[in-house]
Every structure is written in structure tokens, then in C-alpha cells.
N, C-alpha and C. Protein backbone atom coordinates (compact mmCIF):
# COMPACT_ATOMS: atom_id res chain seq x y z
N MET A 1 0.81 -1.15 0.04
CA MET A 1 -0.01 0.01 -0.21
C MET A 1 0.72 1.18 0.11
N LYS A 2 1.84 1.39 0.93
CA LYS A 2 2.65 2.25 0.83
C LYS A 2 3.66 2.87 -0.27
N LYS A 3 4.12 1.45 -1.07
CA LYS A 3 4.82 1.88 -2.13
C LYS A 3 3.78 2.17 -3.35
N THR A 4 2.46 1.81 -3.12
CA THR A 4 1.60 2.32 -4.30
C THR A 4 1.26 3.81 -4.08
N PHE A 5 1.08 4.48 -2.69
CA PHE A 5 0.99 5.71 -2.52
C PHE A 5 2.23 6.49 -2.95
N LEU A 6 3.14 6.05 -2.67
CA LEU A 6 4.60 6.53 -3.00
C LEU A 6 4.58 6.78 -4.70
N LEU A 7 4.20 5.88 -5.29
CA LEU A 7 4.30 5.98 -6.84
C LEU A 7 3.26 6.88 -7.24
N ILE A 8 1.88 6.81 -6.67
CA ILE A 8 1.01 7.77 -7.19
C ILE A 8 1.60 9.06 -6.81
N SER A 9 2.14 9.46 -5.67
CA SER A 9 2.52 10.95 -5.28
C SER A 9 3.61 11.27 -6.10
N PHE A 10 4.36 10.31 -6.96
CA PHE A 10 5.58 10.55 -7.62
C PHE A 10 4.81 11.33 -8.64
N LEU A 11 4.16 10.46 -9.37
CA LEU A 11 3.45 10.57 -10.63
C LEU A 11 2.81 11.52 -10.76
N THR A 12 1.90 12.03 -9.87
CA THR A 12 1.19 13.20 -9.47
C THR A 12 2.22 14.57 -9.46
N PHE A 13 3.27 14.43 -8.89
CA PHE A 13 3.89 15.42 -8.96
C PHE A 13 4.75 15.74 -10.29
N SER A 14 5.05 14.45 -10.78
CA SER A 14 5.76 14.51 -12.17
C SER A 14 4.82 15.46 -13.15
N PHE A 15 3.38 15.17 -13.14
CA PHE A 15 2.16 15.78 -13.95
C PHE A 15 2.28 17.09 -13.70
N PHE A 16 2.43 17.38 -12.17
CA PHE A 16 2.27 18.70 -12.00
C PHE A 16 3.31 19.59 -12.65
N ILE A 17 4.69 18.82 -12.68
CA ILE A 17 5.88 19.71 -13.11
C ILE A 17 5.23 20.10 -14.92
N LEU A 18 4.86 18.76 -15.37
CA LEU A 18 4.50 18.98 -17.06
C LEU A 18 3.42 19.81 -17.18
N PHE A 19 2.54 19.81 -16.41
CA PHE A 19 1.26 20.88 -16.42
C PHE A 19 1.70 22.29 -16.19
N SER A 20 2.45 22.58 -15.10
CA SER A 20 3.11 23.70 -15.02
C SER A 20 3.80 24.32 -16.09
N TYR A 21 4.56 23.63 -16.89
CA TYR A 21 5.16 24.21 -17.98
C TYR A 21 4.08 24.27 -19.09
N LEU A 22 2.85 23.68 -19.18
CA LEU A 22 2.26 23.81 -20.25
C LEU A 22 1.48 25.17 -19.92
N VAL A 23 1.19 25.38 -18.60
CA VAL A 23 0.74 26.65 -18.26
C VAL A 23 1.43 27.84 -18.72
N HIS A 24 2.78 27.86 -18.49
CA HIS A 24 3.46 28.77 -18.44
C HIS A 24 3.82 29.07 -20.26
N LYS A 25 3.35 28.07 -20.88
CA LYS A 25 3.60 28.13 -22.59
C LYS A 25 2.05 28.65 -23.12
N ASN A 26 1.18 29.06 -22.10
CA ASN A 26 -0.10 29.66 -22.31
C ASN A 26 -1.13 28.95 -23.32
N LEU A 27 -1.02 27.41 -22.81
CA LEU A 27 -1.91 26.44 -23.66
C LEU A 27 -3.22 26.52 -23.24
N PHE A 28 -3.75 26.94 -21.87
CA PHE A 28 -4.86 26.71 -21.63
C PHE A 28 -5.46 28.22 -21.50
N THR A 29 -5.04 29.40 -22.24
CA THR A 29 -5.49 30.76 -22.18
C THR A 29 -7.15 30.75 -22.34
N VAL A 30 -7.38 29.85 -23.57
CA VAL A 30 -9.08 30.23 -23.77
C VAL A 30 -9.82 29.20 -23.16
N ILE A 31 -9.11 28.07 -22.55
CA ILE A 31 -10.12 27.42 -21.72
C ILE A 31 -10.18 28.12 -20.23
N ASP A 32 -9.32 28.77 -19.85
CA ASP A 32 -9.06 29.62 -18.55
C ASP A 32 -10.54 30.37 -18.54
N PHE A 33 -10.30 31.45 -19.65
CA PHE A 33 -11.35 32.46 -19.81
C PHE A 33 -12.76 31.79 -19.90
N ASP A 34 -12.88 30.77 -20.82
CA ASP A 34 -14.51 30.56 -21.11
C ASP A 34 -14.90 29.68 -20.01
N THR A 35 -14.01 29.35 -19.11
CA THR A 35 -14.54 28.29 -17.92
C THR A 35 -15.02 29.29 -17.02
N THR A 36 -13.92 30.76 -16.42
CA THR A 36 -14.51 31.58 -15.63
C THR A 36 -15.97 32.24 -16.09
N VAL A 37 -15.93 32.54 -17.38
CA VAL A 37 -17.11 33.34 -18.00
C VAL A 37 -18.39 32.31 -17.83
N ARG A 38 -18.25 31.36 -18.27
CA ARG A 38 -19.39 30.46 -17.94
C ARG A 38 -19.91 30.09 -16.51
N LEU A 39 -18.67 29.92 -15.66
CA LEU A 39 -19.25 29.74 -14.28
C LEU A 39 -20.10 30.87 -13.65
N GLN A 40 -19.53 32.31 -14.04
CA GLN A 40 -20.12 33.37 -13.59
C GLN A 40 -21.56 33.41 -14.17
N ASP A 41 -21.45 33.17 -15.41
CA ASP A 41 -22.98 33.32 -15.94
C ASP A 41 -23.85 32.23 -15.74
N ASN A 42 -23.63 31.24 -15.09
CA ASN A 42 -24.57 30.13 -14.81
C ASN A 42 -24.66 30.02 -13.56
N ILE A 43 -23.94 30.71 -12.53
CA ILE A 43 -24.06 30.72 -11.21
C ILE A 43 -24.73 31.80 -10.58
N ASP A 44 -25.58 31.80 -9.67
CA ASP A 44 -26.33 33.06 -9.27
C ASP A 44 -25.49 33.77 -8.60
N ARG A 45 -25.79 35.47 -8.56
CA ARG A 45 -24.70 36.33 -7.69
C ARG A 45 -24.92 35.86 -6.05
N ARG A 46 -26.01 35.23 -5.76
CA ARG A 46 -26.13 34.90 -4.35
C ARG A 46 -25.11 34.16 -3.76
N PHE A 47 -24.24 33.44 -4.58
CA PHE A 47 -23.09 32.57 -3.79
C PHE A 47 -22.10 33.36 -3.86
N ASP A 48 -22.13 34.64 -4.07
CA ASP A 48 -20.66 35.68 -4.07
C ASP A 48 -20.47 35.58 -2.54
N ASP A 49 -21.22 35.80 -1.70
CA ASP A 49 -21.00 35.75 -0.03
C ASP A 49 -20.74 34.35 0.23
N PRO A 50 -21.37 33.33 0.23
CA PRO A 50 -20.77 32.12 0.76
C PRO A 50 -19.40 31.57 0.29
N PHE A 51 -19.51 31.61 -1.00
CA PHE A 51 -17.89 31.58 -1.90
C PHE A 51 -16.94 32.14 -1.22
N SER A 52 -17.30 33.51 -0.86
CA SER A 52 -16.18 34.23 -0.53
C SER A 52 -15.94 33.89 1.02
N VAL A 53 -16.93 33.47 1.87
CA VAL A 53 -16.65 33.01 3.19
C VAL A 53 -15.78 31.54 2.92
N LEU A 54 -16.02 30.75 2.22
CA LEU A 54 -15.25 29.48 1.97
C LEU A 54 -13.84 29.99 1.55
N SER A 55 -13.67 31.20 0.74
CA SER A 55 -12.53 31.61 0.43
C SER A 55 -11.62 32.06 1.49
N ASP A 56 -12.19 32.77 2.54
CA ASP A 56 -11.60 33.02 3.90
C ASP A 56 -11.11 31.87 4.78
N ILE A 57 -11.83 30.80 4.86
CA ILE A 57 -11.73 29.58 5.38
C ILE A 57 -10.41 28.95 4.79
N GLY A 58 -10.39 28.79 3.43
CA GLY A 58 -9.11 28.26 2.84
C GLY A 58 -7.86 28.99 2.83
N LYS A 59 -7.87 30.07 3.56
CA LYS A 59 -6.52 30.76 3.86
C LYS A 59 -5.42 30.16 4.38
N PHE A 60 -4.43 30.79 4.44
CA PHE A 60 -3.18 29.98 5.07
C PHE A 60 -3.58 29.68 6.88
N GLU A 61 -3.83 30.83 7.30
CA GLU A 61 -4.00 30.85 8.78
C GLU A 61 -4.86 29.96 9.19
N PRO A 62 -6.15 29.68 8.85
CA PRO A 62 -7.10 28.74 9.19
C PRO A 62 -6.88 27.39 8.86
N MET A 63 -5.97 27.27 7.86
CA MET A 63 -5.68 25.81 7.62
C MET A 63 -4.61 25.41 8.28
N LEU A 64 -3.62 26.42 8.54
CA LEU A 64 -2.37 25.95 9.35
C LEU A 64 -3.05 25.37 10.92
N LEU A 65 -4.08 26.21 11.43
CA LEU A 65 -4.54 25.86 12.56
C LEU A 65 -5.36 24.32 12.63
N LEU A 66 -6.01 24.30 11.64
CA LEU A 66 -6.44 22.85 11.03
C LEU A 66 -5.46 21.71 11.62
N LEU A 67 -4.56 22.02 10.87
CA LEU A 67 -3.34 21.19 10.51
C LEU A 67 -2.65 20.84 12.25
N ILE A 68 -2.38 22.23 12.94
CA ILE A 68 -2.12 21.91 14.39
C ILE A 68 -2.95 20.99 15.22
N ILE A 69 -4.08 21.34 15.05
CA ILE A 69 -5.26 20.56 15.64
C ILE A 69 -5.16 18.97 15.38
N LEU A 70 -5.24 18.60 14.11
CA LEU A 70 -4.80 17.14 13.65
C LEU A 70 -3.65 16.70 14.33
N ILE A 71 -2.43 17.56 14.37
CA ILE A 71 -1.17 17.13 15.01
C ILE A 71 -1.24 16.59 16.42
N LEU A 72 -2.13 17.44 17.00
CA LEU A 72 -2.32 17.17 18.52
C LEU A 72 -3.00 16.03 18.78
N PHE A 73 -3.40 15.19 17.67
CA PHE A 73 -4.01 13.93 18.07
C PHE A 73 -3.26 12.64 17.21
N ARG A 74 -2.14 13.25 16.91
CA ARG A 74 -1.23 12.10 16.23
C ARG A 74 0.29 12.03 16.93
N LYS A 75 1.04 11.12 16.55
CA LYS A 75 2.20 11.10 17.01
C LYS A 75 3.12 12.17 16.56
N LYS A 76 4.19 12.40 17.21
CA LYS A 76 5.14 13.42 16.92
C LYS A 76 6.00 13.57 15.74
N LEU A 77 6.15 12.09 15.24
CA LEU A 77 7.09 12.14 14.19
C LEU A 77 6.07 12.65 12.93
N TRP A 78 4.95 12.23 12.54
CA TRP A 78 3.70 12.84 11.78
C TRP A 78 3.67 14.04 11.96
N GLY A 79 3.59 14.75 12.91
CA GLY A 79 3.60 16.14 13.12
C GLY A 79 4.60 16.93 12.45
N ILE A 80 5.86 16.44 12.60
CA ILE A 80 7.01 16.98 12.15
C ILE A 80 6.92 16.83 10.63
N ILE A 81 6.60 15.88 9.91
CA ILE A 81 6.59 15.46 8.37
C ILE A 81 5.51 16.28 8.02
N ALA A 82 4.25 16.24 8.68
CA ALA A 82 3.10 17.03 8.12
C ALA A 82 3.56 18.57 7.91
N PHE A 83 3.99 19.12 9.15
CA PHE A 83 4.42 20.43 9.04
C PHE A 83 5.40 20.93 7.64
N ALA A 84 6.55 19.83 7.67
CA ALA A 84 7.70 20.06 6.69
C ALA A 84 6.76 19.95 5.22
N LEU A 85 5.88 19.10 5.15
CA LEU A 85 5.10 19.18 3.72
C LEU A 85 4.51 20.21 3.60
N PHE A 86 3.58 20.57 4.72
CA PHE A 86 2.77 21.98 4.53
C PHE A 86 3.65 22.94 3.98
N GLY A 87 4.75 23.14 4.39
CA GLY A 87 5.98 24.18 4.49
C GLY A 87 6.32 24.10 2.67
N VAL A 88 6.72 22.79 2.45
CA VAL A 88 7.17 22.68 0.86
C VAL A 88 6.02 23.07 0.17
N LEU A 89 4.88 22.67 0.38
CA LEU A 89 3.72 22.93 -0.49
C LEU A 89 3.69 24.76 -0.95
N HIS A 90 3.76 25.36 0.39
CA HIS A 90 3.99 26.75 0.00
C HIS A 90 5.21 27.38 -0.53
N VAL A 91 6.59 26.54 -0.41
CA VAL A 91 7.43 26.99 -1.06
C VAL A 91 7.44 26.74 -2.49
N ILE A 92 6.83 25.56 -2.98
CA ILE A 92 6.65 25.35 -4.52
C ILE A 92 5.50 26.43 -5.13
N GLU A 93 4.36 26.64 -4.11
CA GLU A 93 3.38 27.51 -4.76
C GLU A 93 3.96 29.04 -5.01
N LEU A 94 4.97 29.45 -4.09
CA LEU A 94 5.75 30.71 -4.35
C LEU A 94 6.47 30.55 -5.37
N PHE A 95 7.49 29.53 -5.54
CA PHE A 95 7.77 29.52 -6.76
C PHE A 95 7.23 29.46 -8.00
N GLY A 96 6.16 28.87 -8.04
CA GLY A 96 5.23 28.78 -9.31
C GLY A 96 4.82 30.22 -9.53
N LYS A 97 4.88 31.01 -8.45
CA LYS A 97 4.06 32.32 -8.69
C LYS A 97 5.11 33.46 -9.31
N PHE A 98 6.53 32.99 -8.77
CA PHE A 98 7.57 33.74 -9.58
C PHE A 98 7.99 33.31 -10.91
N PHE A 99 7.79 32.00 -11.12
CA PHE A 99 8.53 31.55 -12.50
C PHE A 99 7.53 31.12 -13.37
N VAL A 100 6.14 31.03 -13.19
CA VAL A 100 5.28 30.75 -14.11
C VAL A 100 4.50 31.70 -14.63
N ASP A 101 4.86 32.15 -15.72
CA ASP A 101 4.23 33.55 -16.13
C ASP A 101 2.77 33.23 -16.51
N HIS A 102 1.95 33.54 -15.45
CA HIS A 102 0.43 33.28 -15.80
C HIS A 102 -0.19 34.29 -14.88
N PRO A 103 -0.50 35.66 -15.39
CA PRO A 103 -1.46 36.78 -14.70
C PRO A 103 -2.52 36.07 -14.43
N PRO A 104 -3.11 36.77 -13.23
CA PRO A 104 -4.71 36.46 -12.76
C PRO A 104 -5.57 36.86 -13.56
N PRO A 105 -6.85 36.38 -13.34
CA PRO A 105 -7.96 37.21 -13.88
C PRO A 105 -7.93 38.49 -13.65
N PRO A 106 -8.31 39.07 -14.87
CA PRO A 106 -8.61 40.75 -14.87
C PRO A 106 -9.72 41.31 -13.76
N GLU A 107 -9.52 42.53 -13.21
CA GLU A 107 -10.11 42.94 -12.18
C GLU A 107 -11.84 42.88 -12.33
N PHE A 108 -12.11 43.04 -13.58
CA PHE A 108 -13.79 43.18 -13.84
C PHE A 108 -14.24 41.78 -13.68
N LEU A 109 -13.34 40.69 -13.60
CA LEU A 109 -14.20 39.26 -13.38
C LEU A 109 -14.01 38.86 -11.78
N LEU A 110 -13.33 39.85 -10.97
CA LEU A 110 -13.34 39.47 -9.53
C LEU A 110 -14.51 40.01 -8.84
N ARG A 111 -15.18 38.87 -8.11
CA ARG A 111 -16.33 38.81 -7.42
C ARG A 111 -16.02 38.68 -5.74
N THR A 112 -15.14 38.69 -5.33
CA THR A 112 -14.59 38.08 -3.90
C THR A 112 -15.08 39.20 -3.11
N LYS A 113 -15.90 39.02 -1.70
CA LYS A 113 -16.42 40.09 -1.05
C LYS A 113 -15.69 40.00 0.26
N HIS A 114 -15.29 40.86 1.24
CA HIS A 114 -14.67 40.53 2.43
C HIS A 114 -15.61 41.16 3.36
N LEU A 115 -15.24 41.03 4.74
CA LEU A 115 -16.11 41.39 5.80
C LEU A 115 -15.92 42.80 6.01
N ILE A 116 -14.64 42.85 5.92
CA ILE A 116 -13.76 44.35 6.10
C ILE A 116 -13.05 44.70 4.93
N GLU A 117 -13.33 45.65 4.22
CA GLU A 117 -12.66 46.36 3.05
C GLU A 117 -11.55 47.12 3.31
N PHE A 118 -10.13 46.83 2.87
CA PHE A 118 -8.95 47.90 3.21
C PHE A 118 -8.32 47.82 1.66
N PRO A 119 -8.99 48.85 0.63
CA PRO A 119 -8.62 48.85 -0.70
C PRO A 119 -7.27 49.23 -0.47
N GLN A 120 -6.92 50.11 0.12
CA GLN A 120 -5.34 50.64 0.08
C GLN A 120 -4.22 49.69 0.24
N PHE A 121 -5.00 48.64 1.06
CA PHE A 121 -4.07 47.27 1.23
C PHE A 121 -4.09 46.21 0.41
N HIS A 122 -5.12 46.41 -0.30
CA HIS A 122 -5.22 45.31 -1.51
C HIS A 122 -4.34 45.12 -2.48
N VAL A 123 -3.27 44.14 -2.64
CA VAL A 123 -2.52 43.99 -3.71
C VAL A 123 -2.76 42.59 -4.17
N ARG A 124 -2.75 42.43 -5.63
CA ARG A 124 -3.02 41.17 -5.99
C ARG A 124 -1.67 40.80 -6.64
N ALA A 125 -1.43 39.38 -6.59
CA ALA A 125 -0.18 38.91 -6.99
C ALA A 125 0.04 38.92 -8.61
N GLU A 126 1.08 39.33 -8.88
CA GLU A 126 1.27 39.61 -10.51
C GLU A 126 1.07 38.12 -11.12
N PHE A 127 1.48 36.96 -10.61
CA PHE A 127 0.92 35.81 -11.28
C PHE A 127 0.32 34.72 -10.05
N SER A 128 -0.56 33.97 -10.95
CA SER A 128 -1.52 33.28 -9.77
C SER A 128 -1.32 31.77 -10.00
N TYR A 129 -0.39 31.25 -10.48
CA TYR A 129 -0.23 29.64 -10.72
C TYR A 129 0.96 29.36 -9.64
N PRO A 130 0.57 28.16 -8.94
CA PRO A 130 -0.77 27.59 -8.75
C PRO A 130 -1.55 28.30 -7.60
N SER A 131 -2.65 27.80 -7.39
CA SER A 131 -3.71 28.29 -6.25
C SER A 131 -3.28 27.60 -4.89
N GLY A 132 -2.86 28.40 -4.31
CA GLY A 132 -2.64 27.80 -2.94
C GLY A 132 -3.70 27.59 -2.20
N HIS A 133 -4.97 27.82 -2.34
CA HIS A 133 -6.21 27.20 -1.53
C HIS A 133 -6.62 26.10 -1.99
N ALA A 134 -6.40 25.83 -3.24
CA ALA A 134 -6.78 24.54 -4.04
C ALA A 134 -5.77 23.35 -3.20
N GLY A 135 -4.22 23.76 -3.21
CA GLY A 135 -3.26 23.28 -2.79
C GLY A 135 -3.38 22.75 -1.31
N ARG A 136 -3.72 23.83 -0.66
CA ARG A 136 -4.06 23.56 0.97
C ARG A 136 -5.34 22.66 1.14
N ALA A 137 -6.52 22.76 0.11
CA ALA A 137 -7.61 22.17 0.34
C ALA A 137 -7.42 20.68 0.31
N VAL A 138 -6.75 20.38 -0.82
CA VAL A 138 -6.57 18.81 -1.06
C VAL A 138 -5.60 17.95 -0.55
N PHE A 139 -4.68 19.09 -0.03
CA PHE A 139 -3.50 18.48 0.71
C PHE A 139 -4.12 17.94 2.23
N LEU A 140 -4.95 18.91 2.68
CA LEU A 140 -5.63 18.52 3.87
C LEU A 140 -6.46 17.68 4.04
N THR A 141 -7.33 17.48 3.01
CA THR A 141 -8.33 16.50 2.69
C THR A 141 -7.92 15.32 2.58
N ALA A 142 -6.71 14.98 1.80
CA ALA A 142 -6.23 13.82 1.38
C ALA A 142 -5.59 13.21 2.61
N ILE A 143 -4.93 13.72 3.62
CA ILE A 143 -4.71 13.33 5.08
C ILE A 143 -5.88 13.01 6.05
N LEU A 144 -6.85 13.89 6.08
CA LEU A 144 -7.82 13.59 6.39
C LEU A 144 -8.50 12.49 6.17
N GLY A 145 -8.77 12.51 4.90
CA GLY A 145 -9.64 11.00 4.23
C GLY A 145 -8.70 9.99 4.50
N PHE A 146 -7.65 9.74 4.64
CA PHE A 146 -6.85 8.58 4.65
C PHE A 146 -7.05 8.37 6.44
N MET A 147 -6.95 9.17 7.20
CA MET A 147 -7.21 8.93 8.41
C MET A 147 -8.64 8.47 8.77
N VAL A 148 -9.55 8.69 8.21
CA VAL A 148 -11.18 8.47 8.36
C VAL A 148 -11.06 6.68 7.83
N ALA A 149 -10.60 6.82 6.65
CA ALA A 149 -10.54 5.46 6.00
C ALA A 149 -9.71 4.35 6.80
N ARG A 150 -8.72 4.49 7.55
CA ARG A 150 -8.19 3.71 8.53
C ARG A 150 -8.61 3.71 9.91
N SER A 151 -9.54 4.66 10.29
CA SER A 151 -10.17 4.45 11.55
C SER A 151 -11.05 3.14 11.77
N LYS A 152 -10.69 2.78 13.17
CA LYS A 152 -11.61 1.61 13.55
C LYS A 152 -12.59 1.91 14.40
N LYS A 153 -12.91 3.05 14.89
CA LYS A 153 -14.07 3.62 15.37
C LYS A 153 -15.33 4.07 14.57
N LEU A 154 -15.15 4.32 13.66
CA LEU A 154 -16.27 4.70 12.45
C LEU A 154 -16.77 3.34 11.40
N THR A 155 -18.14 3.43 11.26
CA THR A 155 -18.81 2.39 10.44
C THR A 155 -18.08 2.62 9.00
N GLN A 156 -18.49 1.83 8.08
CA GLN A 156 -18.21 1.69 6.85
C GLN A 156 -19.00 3.20 5.95
N THR A 157 -20.39 3.37 6.62
CA THR A 157 -21.32 4.20 6.18
C THR A 157 -20.80 5.69 6.79
N GLN A 158 -20.39 5.67 7.91
CA GLN A 158 -19.71 6.94 8.40
C GLN A 158 -18.73 7.34 7.76
N LYS A 159 -17.74 6.67 7.31
CA LYS A 159 -16.56 6.72 6.54
C LYS A 159 -16.93 7.14 5.20
N ILE A 160 -18.09 6.76 4.42
CA ILE A 160 -18.28 7.11 3.17
C ILE A 160 -18.64 8.58 3.23
N PHE A 161 -19.58 8.68 4.05
CA PHE A 161 -20.12 10.26 4.41
C PHE A 161 -19.28 11.19 4.67
N ILE A 162 -18.29 11.02 5.55
CA ILE A 162 -17.14 12.06 5.96
C ILE A 162 -16.16 12.12 4.57
N ILE A 163 -15.68 10.92 3.93
CA ILE A 163 -15.14 11.24 2.84
C ILE A 163 -15.82 11.79 1.70
N SER A 164 -17.08 11.81 1.50
CA SER A 164 -17.88 12.52 0.42
C SER A 164 -17.84 13.98 0.94
N ILE A 165 -17.97 14.24 2.21
CA ILE A 165 -17.86 15.67 2.61
C ILE A 165 -16.89 16.27 2.31
N LEU A 166 -15.77 15.73 2.52
CA LEU A 166 -14.48 16.29 2.32
C LEU A 166 -14.15 16.38 0.71
N GLY A 167 -14.62 15.45 -0.02
CA GLY A 167 -14.43 15.64 -1.69
C GLY A 167 -15.25 16.74 -2.16
N ALA A 168 -16.67 16.80 -1.39
CA ALA A 168 -17.50 18.18 -1.87
C ALA A 168 -16.62 19.22 -1.27
N TYR A 169 -16.24 19.46 -0.18
CA TYR A 169 -15.07 20.77 0.21
C TYR A 169 -14.26 21.03 -0.90
N ASP A 170 -13.63 20.07 -1.24
CA ASP A 170 -12.57 20.32 -2.36
C ASP A 170 -13.07 21.08 -3.81
N VAL A 171 -14.31 20.19 -4.29
CA VAL A 171 -15.05 20.45 -5.15
C VAL A 171 -15.49 22.09 -5.07
N LEU A 172 -16.20 22.62 -4.03
CA LEU A 172 -16.66 23.59 -3.63
C LEU A 172 -15.28 24.72 -3.71
N MET A 173 -14.38 24.62 -3.21
CA MET A 173 -13.26 25.37 -3.14
C MET A 173 -12.60 25.58 -4.42
N ILE A 174 -12.43 24.53 -5.36
CA ILE A 174 -12.27 25.03 -6.28
C ILE A 174 -13.12 25.67 -7.64
N ILE A 175 -14.20 25.30 -7.38
CA ILE A 175 -15.09 25.96 -8.29
C ILE A 175 -15.21 27.51 -7.66
N SER A 176 -15.14 27.80 -6.43
CA SER A 176 -15.42 29.23 -5.71
C SER A 176 -14.37 29.98 -6.17
N ARG A 177 -12.99 29.55 -6.39
CA ARG A 177 -11.86 30.29 -6.58
C ARG A 177 -11.75 30.69 -8.07
N VAL A 178 -12.30 29.87 -8.97
CA VAL A 178 -12.43 30.33 -10.38
C VAL A 178 -13.72 31.06 -10.69
N TYR A 179 -14.85 30.86 -10.00
CA TYR A 179 -16.06 31.61 -10.22
C TYR A 179 -15.75 33.11 -9.48
N LEU A 180 -15.04 33.15 -8.17
CA LEU A 180 -14.91 34.63 -7.79
C LEU A 180 -13.92 35.37 -8.54
N GLY A 181 -13.30 34.70 -9.54
CA GLY A 181 -12.42 35.70 -10.27
C GLY A 181 -10.79 35.61 -9.99
N GLU A 182 -10.82 34.62 -8.75
CA GLU A 182 -9.40 34.74 -7.86
C GLU A 182 -8.52 34.18 -8.70
N HIS A 183 -9.01 32.82 -9.50
CA HIS A 183 -7.64 32.16 -10.23
C HIS A 183 -8.47 31.51 -11.35
N TRP A 184 -7.60 31.09 -12.26
CA TRP A 184 -8.26 30.45 -13.50
C TRP A 184 -8.13 28.83 -13.50
N ILE A 185 -8.86 28.32 -14.08
CA ILE A 185 -9.17 26.68 -13.91
C ILE A 185 -7.72 25.95 -13.85
N SER A 186 -6.79 26.41 -14.57
CA SER A 186 -5.62 25.98 -14.55
C SER A 186 -4.85 26.08 -13.44
N ASP A 187 -5.13 27.21 -12.64
CA ASP A 187 -4.25 27.48 -11.40
C ASP A 187 -4.76 26.62 -10.21
N VAL A 188 -5.96 26.09 -10.39
CA VAL A 188 -6.59 25.43 -9.20
C VAL A 188 -6.15 23.99 -9.60
N VAL A 189 -6.32 23.59 -10.95
CA VAL A 189 -5.96 22.30 -11.27
C VAL A 189 -4.29 22.07 -10.75
N GLY A 190 -3.54 22.88 -11.14
CA GLY A 190 -1.89 22.79 -10.75
C GLY A 190 -1.98 22.61 -9.01
N GLY A 191 -2.66 23.63 -8.55
CA GLY A 191 -2.81 23.65 -7.08
C GLY A 191 -2.99 22.18 -6.16
N GLY A 192 -4.10 21.78 -7.19
CA GLY A 192 -5.06 20.38 -6.58
C GLY A 192 -3.93 19.35 -6.97
N LEU A 193 -3.14 19.46 -7.91
CA LEU A 193 -2.15 18.33 -8.25
C LEU A 193 -0.84 18.33 -7.28
N LEU A 194 -0.62 19.51 -6.65
CA LEU A 194 0.29 19.69 -5.84
C LEU A 194 0.16 19.14 -4.45
N GLY A 195 -1.11 19.38 -4.13
CA GLY A 195 -1.93 19.10 -3.00
C GLY A 195 -2.31 17.67 -2.76
N ILE A 196 -2.31 16.93 -3.85
CA ILE A 196 -2.37 15.32 -3.89
C ILE A 196 -1.18 14.94 -3.65
N ALA A 197 -0.28 15.25 -4.56
CA ALA A 197 0.86 14.83 -4.53
C ALA A 197 1.73 14.86 -3.23
N LEU A 198 1.64 15.93 -2.33
CA LEU A 198 2.03 16.06 -1.01
C LEU A 198 1.38 15.42 -0.18
N GLY A 199 -0.02 15.54 -0.10
CA GLY A 199 -0.99 14.77 0.74
C GLY A 199 -1.11 13.38 0.94
N LEU A 200 -0.56 12.80 -0.38
CA LEU A 200 -0.38 11.24 -0.03
C LEU A 200 0.89 11.04 0.66
N LEU A 201 1.84 11.75 0.52
CA LEU A 201 3.14 11.60 1.40
C LEU A 201 2.86 11.70 2.83
N GLY A 202 1.94 12.83 3.23
CA GLY A 202 1.61 12.79 4.44
C GLY A 202 0.85 11.65 4.84
N ALA A 203 -0.19 11.30 4.41
CA ALA A 203 -0.93 10.07 4.58
C ALA A 203 -0.25 8.95 4.80
N LEU A 204 1.12 8.75 4.10
CA LEU A 204 1.85 7.48 4.35
C LEU A 204 2.44 7.09 5.88
N VAL A 205 2.38 8.38 6.46
CA VAL A 205 2.76 8.45 7.86
C VAL A 205 1.89 8.48 9.05
N VAL A 206 0.57 8.57 8.51
CA VAL A 206 -0.51 8.92 9.53
C VAL A 206 -0.66 7.74 10.20
């Protein structure tokens, strides 16, 4: 099982590198724009608020807090490895934003709402690939899903229900980032691939 997870993690990360190169070459420009426009045309504007709340939940600080809570219930070695992988995820994210030439959606597509607005402090990143929100979401749900699957206290029905909720969270996070105009679909796909690759490594030592 561990060798299989390790192989899948390696293949997923390899595909992430290939996908990043294709994004850098602007192969998904039309798909990115069309997907954003279609989502914004077909999803009611009433979702602006709940999707914006979901966006706040997916930021670095709440996800770090969740990881710390998980670590409190696991062994110390796993905690060190999980923290290291979480850090690696963000280092690779920053590397991508510096070296993959992929500007974010234009301002007229932006629909994110904040509880408190500070326009003078709002600075958008010059490049948006990969999506840190998607990476963090998939990274943590991969670990949580593996913990649930291995649990001896939960019934099979409970496991399926919880894993389904985790999967739904990932899907909603990915849709919300594109719908809100924060990221292109290629950004969240790249972030998801990175999250899966590192999340599987974290799951190996749960």
C-alpha cells in the first residue's frame, strides 16, 4: 500500500511539473477564460457571499490551525513530517508564482467580498499559478480522508459520508476560486495536483 501511494505521489508531482510547463506556455488561455465566464454566467450572484466565506476559510492561517489540531491527535513524527510537507507546498507555490508566467484574471471578473474592506492594502499577485487555496484544501483533505479510512471507530457508512463531505469541500473550493475570479481553472488544477502529491506523502505516515 505504501509503495503504491509513493508511486502515485511521484507520478502526480511529475504531472504537476509537466502541467506547470504547459501553463507557462499559455496552452490553456482560452479554456481558462471560457470556464470563468461560464461559471459566472450560470451561478447566481447570491453565491458571492458563501463562496467568499469559503475563500476566507481556505486561507493559510485557518488551514494551519486545522493542521495543528490534527497534529495534537497524532504522533510527533507525523506532526514534524506534516508541517514540513505543508511548508514545502507553500515554497513550491511561491516558486510557481515567481517563475510561471500566468497573470490572474482581470479585475472586472473579481467577485470576492470581504467582511472588512481595506482597498489601500489590497495588492493582487502578479502571477496566480498555482492556487494555494486548492493546494491546501486537497493536501489536508487527502490526509483527513486517509485517517478516516483507517479509523477503527467509524462504520463503513460513516467513513463514506465523511469522505464524501471532504470531496465536496474540495470541489466547492475549486469552483469558488474560479467563480470569484481569483484564479483560472488551470491555477486550481495545478494547486490540486500539488496538494494530492504532497498529501499522499503525509498520509503515508499517519
